[in-house]
Protein backbone atom coordinates (compact mmCIF):
# COMPACT_ATOMS: atom_id res chain seq x y z
CA MET A 1 24.79 9.00 -2.11
CA VAL A 2 23.73 5.44 -1.28
CA GLY A 3 23.65 6.18 2.42
CA SER A 4 21.64 9.33 1.79
CA ILE A 5 18.99 7.70 -0.37
CA THR A 6 18.67 4.77 2.03
CA ALA A 7 18.05 7.17 4.89
CA ASP A 8 15.32 8.89 2.84
CA TRP A 9 13.63 5.58 2.09
CA SER A 10 13.68 4.35 5.67
CA TRP A 11 12.48 7.66 7.18
CA GLY A 12 14.60 6.79 10.23
CA PRO A 13 13.69 4.55 13.19
CA ALA A 14 10.49 6.42 14.08
CA MET A 15 9.01 6.05 10.58
CA ASN A 16 9.96 2.40 10.38
CA VAL A 17 8.00 1.93 13.60
CA LEU A 18 5.08 3.72 11.92
CA ARG A 19 5.29 1.42 8.92
CA ARG A 20 5.34 -1.67 11.14
CA THR A 21 2.45 -0.26 13.18
CA ALA A 22 0.39 0.30 10.05
CA LEU A 23 0.97 -3.29 8.97
CA ALA A 24 0.03 -4.50 12.46
CA VAL A 25 -3.17 -2.47 12.34
CA THR A 26 -4.21 -4.04 9.04
CA GLY A 27 -3.52 -7.45 10.56
CA ALA A 28 -5.71 -6.65 13.55
CA VAL A 29 -8.48 -5.42 11.26
CA GLY A 30 -8.32 -8.65 9.26
CA ALA A 31 -8.58 -10.73 12.41
CA LEU A 32 -11.47 -8.60 13.60
CA VAL A 33 -13.35 -9.11 10.35
CA LEU A 34 -12.99 -12.87 10.61
CA MET A 35 -14.26 -12.93 14.20
CA ALA A 36 -17.13 -10.58 13.43
CA ALA A 37 -18.18 -12.07 10.08
CA PRO A 38 -21.70 -13.06 11.19
CA VAL A 39 -22.59 -9.52 12.35
CA VAL A 40 -20.76 -7.07 10.08
CA ALA A 41 -22.75 -4.98 7.60
CA ALA A 42 -22.80 -5.91 3.93
CA PRO A 43 -20.20 -3.96 1.93
CA ASN A 44 -21.45 -1.51 -0.69
CA ASP A 45 -20.13 -1.26 -4.27
CA VAL A 46 -17.28 1.05 -3.25
CA ASP A 47 -16.19 -1.34 -0.48
CA GLN A 48 -16.17 -4.23 -2.94
CA ALA A 49 -14.27 -2.18 -5.52
CA PHE A 50 -11.66 -1.32 -2.91
CA LEU A 51 -11.13 -4.95 -1.89
CA VAL A 52 -10.82 -6.06 -5.52
CA GLY A 53 -8.58 -3.15 -6.47
CA ALA A 54 -6.37 -3.46 -3.41
CA HIS A 55 -5.95 -7.19 -4.00
CA GLN A 56 -4.97 -6.70 -7.63
CA SER A 57 -2.60 -3.88 -6.68
CA ASN A 58 -0.98 -6.10 -4.06
CA LEU A 59 -0.54 -8.92 -6.57
CA THR A 60 0.98 -6.45 -9.02
CA GLU A 61 3.41 -4.98 -6.47
CA ILE A 62 4.49 -8.41 -5.26
CA ALA A 63 5.29 -9.48 -8.83
CA SER A 64 6.95 -6.15 -9.54
CA GLY A 65 9.04 -6.37 -6.39
CA GLN A 66 10.18 -9.86 -7.31
CA ALA A 67 11.20 -8.61 -10.76
CA ALA A 68 13.25 -5.83 -9.16
CA VAL A 69 15.04 -8.26 -6.86
CA GLU A 70 15.96 -10.40 -9.87
CA LYS A 71 16.75 -7.78 -12.52
CA ALA A 72 17.63 -4.42 -10.95
CA THR A 73 21.16 -3.13 -11.47
CA THR A 74 21.24 -0.97 -8.32
CA SER A 75 21.08 -2.07 -4.70
CA GLU A 76 18.53 0.66 -3.91
CA VAL A 77 16.00 -0.66 -6.42
CA ARG A 78 16.57 -4.26 -5.31
CA GLU A 79 16.01 -3.26 -1.68
CA LEU A 80 12.87 -1.34 -2.57
CA GLY A 81 11.65 -4.34 -4.54
CA GLN A 82 12.10 -6.62 -1.54
CA MET A 83 10.27 -4.13 0.66
CA LEU A 84 7.34 -4.18 -1.75
CA VAL A 85 7.20 -7.98 -1.67
CA THR A 86 7.26 -8.11 2.12
CA ASP A 87 4.78 -5.29 2.75
CA HIS A 88 2.27 -6.13 0.02
CA GLN A 89 2.18 -9.79 1.02
CA ALA A 90 1.25 -8.68 4.54
CA LEU A 91 -1.34 -6.20 3.26
CA ASP A 92 -2.87 -8.71 0.86
CA ALA A 93 -3.30 -11.36 3.53
CA GLN A 94 -5.64 -9.00 5.35
CA VAL A 95 -7.49 -7.95 2.20
CA VAL A 96 -8.11 -11.61 1.36
CA ALA A 97 -9.29 -12.36 4.90
CA ALA A 98 -11.70 -9.42 4.83
CA ALA A 99 -13.04 -10.35 1.40
CA GLN A 100 -13.67 -13.94 2.47
CA ALA A 101 -15.48 -12.84 5.61
CA LEU A 102 -17.61 -10.34 3.70
CA GLY A 103 -18.40 -12.64 0.79
CA VAL A 104 -16.54 -10.61 -1.83
CA THR A 105 -15.02 -12.63 -4.68
CA LEU A 106 -11.49 -11.58 -5.60
CA PRO A 107 -9.78 -12.07 -8.97
CA ALA A 108 -6.89 -14.50 -9.18
CA GLU A 109 -4.51 -12.14 -10.98
CA PRO A 110 -3.79 -8.48 -11.72
CA SER A 111 -5.89 -6.62 -14.26
CA THR A 112 -5.12 -6.69 -17.97
CA VAL A 113 -3.66 -3.19 -17.76
CA GLN A 114 -1.51 -4.10 -14.77
CA LYS A 115 -0.19 -7.23 -16.46
CA ALA A 116 0.68 -5.25 -19.58
CA ALA A 117 2.56 -2.67 -17.51
CA LEU A 118 4.47 -5.41 -15.70
CA ALA A 119 5.43 -7.03 -18.99
CA GLU A 120 6.57 -3.73 -20.45
CA VAL A 121 8.87 -3.00 -17.50
CA SER A 122 10.19 -6.56 -17.33
CA ALA A 123 11.15 -6.41 -21.01
CA GLN A 124 13.73 -3.72 -20.19
CA THR A 125 17.30 -4.47 -19.13
CA GLY A 126 20.07 -2.67 -17.28
CA GLN A 127 19.51 0.90 -16.12
CA ALA A 128 16.52 1.15 -18.48
CA PHE A 129 14.80 -1.50 -16.35
CA ASP A 130 15.58 0.36 -13.14
CA ASN A 131 14.24 3.64 -14.52
CA ALA A 132 11.09 2.09 -15.99
CA TRP A 133 10.49 0.20 -12.74
CA ILE A 134 10.80 3.34 -10.61
CA ALA A 135 8.41 5.24 -12.89
CA ALA A 136 5.89 2.38 -12.75
CA GLN A 137 5.96 2.38 -8.94
CA ILE A 138 5.19 6.07 -8.81
CA THR A 139 2.17 5.57 -11.06
CA SER A 140 0.86 2.45 -9.33
CA HIS A 141 1.24 3.73 -5.77
CA ARG A 142 -0.46 7.01 -6.61
CA ALA A 143 -3.34 4.94 -8.01
CA SER A 144 -3.43 2.87 -4.81
CA LEU A 145 -3.63 5.99 -2.67
CA ALA A 146 -6.48 7.31 -4.83
CA LEU A 147 -8.32 3.98 -4.44
CA GLY A 148 -8.04 4.24 -0.66
CA GLN A 149 -9.26 7.82 -0.69
CA ARG A 150 -12.36 6.80 -2.66
CA GLU A 151 -13.06 4.10 -0.10
CA LEU A 152 -12.75 6.52 2.80
CA ALA A 153 -15.01 9.04 1.06
CA ASN A 154 -17.74 6.68 -0.15
CA GLY A 155 -17.29 3.28 1.48
CA ALA A 156 -19.79 2.02 4.08
CA GLU A 157 -18.38 -1.10 5.75
CA PRO A 158 -16.36 -0.02 8.84
CA THR A 159 -13.73 -2.74 8.67
CA VAL A 160 -13.05 -2.12 4.96
CA LYS A 161 -12.65 1.59 5.68
CA ALA A 162 -10.27 0.70 8.52
CA LEU A 163 -8.18 -1.41 6.14
CA ALA A 164 -7.98 1.50 3.69
CA THR A 165 -6.96 3.89 6.45
CA ALA A 166 -4.34 1.64 8.00
CA SER A 167 -2.71 0.66 4.70
CA ALA A 168 -2.33 4.25 3.47
CA PRO A 169 0.93 5.06 5.34
CA VAL A 170 2.58 1.93 3.95
CA VAL A 171 1.60 2.86 0.39
CA GLN A 172 2.71 6.46 1.00
CA HIS A 173 6.07 5.19 2.27
CA HIS A 174 6.58 3.21 -0.93
CA LEU A 175 5.61 6.20 -3.06
CA ASP A 176 8.05 8.47 -1.23
CA ALA A 177 10.80 5.90 -1.73
CA ALA A 178 10.08 5.71 -5.46
CA LEU A 179 10.06 9.51 -5.72
CA ALA A 180 13.41 9.68 -3.92
CA ALA A 181 14.84 7.12 -6.33
CA ALA A 182 13.44 9.02 -9.31
CA GLN A 183 15.13 12.19 -8.10
CA LYS A 184 18.45 10.39 -7.68
CA TYR A 185 18.44 8.70 -11.10
CA GLY A 186 16.77 11.48 -13.07
CA VAL A 187 13.53 9.61 -13.76
CA PRO A 188 10.77 12.05 -14.81
CA THR A 189 7.68 12.26 -12.61
CA SER A 190 4.41 14.00 -13.36
CA VAL A 191 4.34 15.56 -9.88
CA PRO A 192 7.55 17.01 -8.37
CA ALA A 193 8.91 15.14 -5.36
CA GLY A 194 9.57 18.47 -3.63
CA THR A 195 12.67 20.36 -2.67
CA SER A 196 14.76 20.48 0.48
CA GLY A 197 12.99 18.76 3.39
CA GLU A 198 9.52 20.05 2.58
CA ALA A 199 8.24 17.00 0.67
CA ALA A 200 9.61 14.53 3.20
CA THR A 201 8.12 16.47 6.10
CA SER A 202 4.67 16.64 4.51
CA SER A 203 4.73 12.90 3.73
CA ARG A 204 5.73 12.03 7.27
CA THR A 205 3.00 14.24 8.68
CA LEU A 206 0.45 12.59 6.38
CA GLY A 207 1.70 9.15 7.36
CA LEU A 208 1.42 9.86 11.07
CA ALA A 209 -2.04 11.36 10.70
CA VAL A 210 -3.33 8.46 8.61
CA ALA A 211 -1.81 5.84 10.88
CA PHE A 212 -3.35 7.33 14.00
CA GLY A 213 -6.63 7.72 12.15
CA GLY A 214 -6.49 4.02 11.32
CA LEU A 215 -5.92 3.12 14.95
CA LEU A 216 -8.87 5.26 16.03
CA LEU A 217 -11.10 3.79 13.33
CA LEU A 218 -10.03 0.28 14.32
CA ALA A 219 -10.88 0.99 17.96
CA ALA A 220 -14.31 2.33 16.98
CA THR A 221 -14.94 -0.70 14.79
CA SER A 222 -13.95 -3.04 17.63
CA LEU A 223 -16.43 -1.38 19.98
CA LEU A 224 -19.16 -1.63 17.34
CA VAL A 225 -18.54 -5.35 16.84
CA VAL A 226 -18.48 -6.02 20.57
CA ARG A 227 -21.79 -4.20 21.02
CA ARG A 228 -23.37 -6.12 18.14
CA SER A 229 -22.10 -9.40 19.53
CA ARG A 230 -23.61 -8.67 22.93
CA ALA A 231 -26.94 -7.56 21.48
């Protein structure tokens, strides 16, 4: 069972490459924002809300991942916790860089609701901790995906939209891993993880589409910045 669930979480070599590519894209976007700071357009309210929300989500997931590494009773949850720490630190570095370049002030800590949820999970012990932690990750990563979708629908600043697009497959990967863990340990979820290979296939297709969309958006943004710089 351990080997099976680990394979589900990793999505195999190709999907790990996708995850690394998505992280690399967000890094490139962050660097682009810093270089183009004098000429990028001012972010609208949705762009600012995304940067603030993404930053607080990253802080929450880093803290949550660290708690899992320290307190989880199963190797799967500990490994997932470490993955959250590594990935969300990388994602947050780019969010912070973009916010600084665009003049958006970020909070220093998670929201009151996020801190309360962290405290509630951390108060658990043993398998109760593992189950509560898994359930919390499903909720928080669904919220992160929704935040990114709002940015893509209503945001205006190209580099912020590119960050939202490129980070989506990483967040989706974490959500799929949490759903797989919930299925293994019998943790209730509000939305079924799917049966057979259908759910995994749809998630992988979404991840590939979003990742390639992020690359295309990044390329378009790069051309825009170059043209503005030459003007």
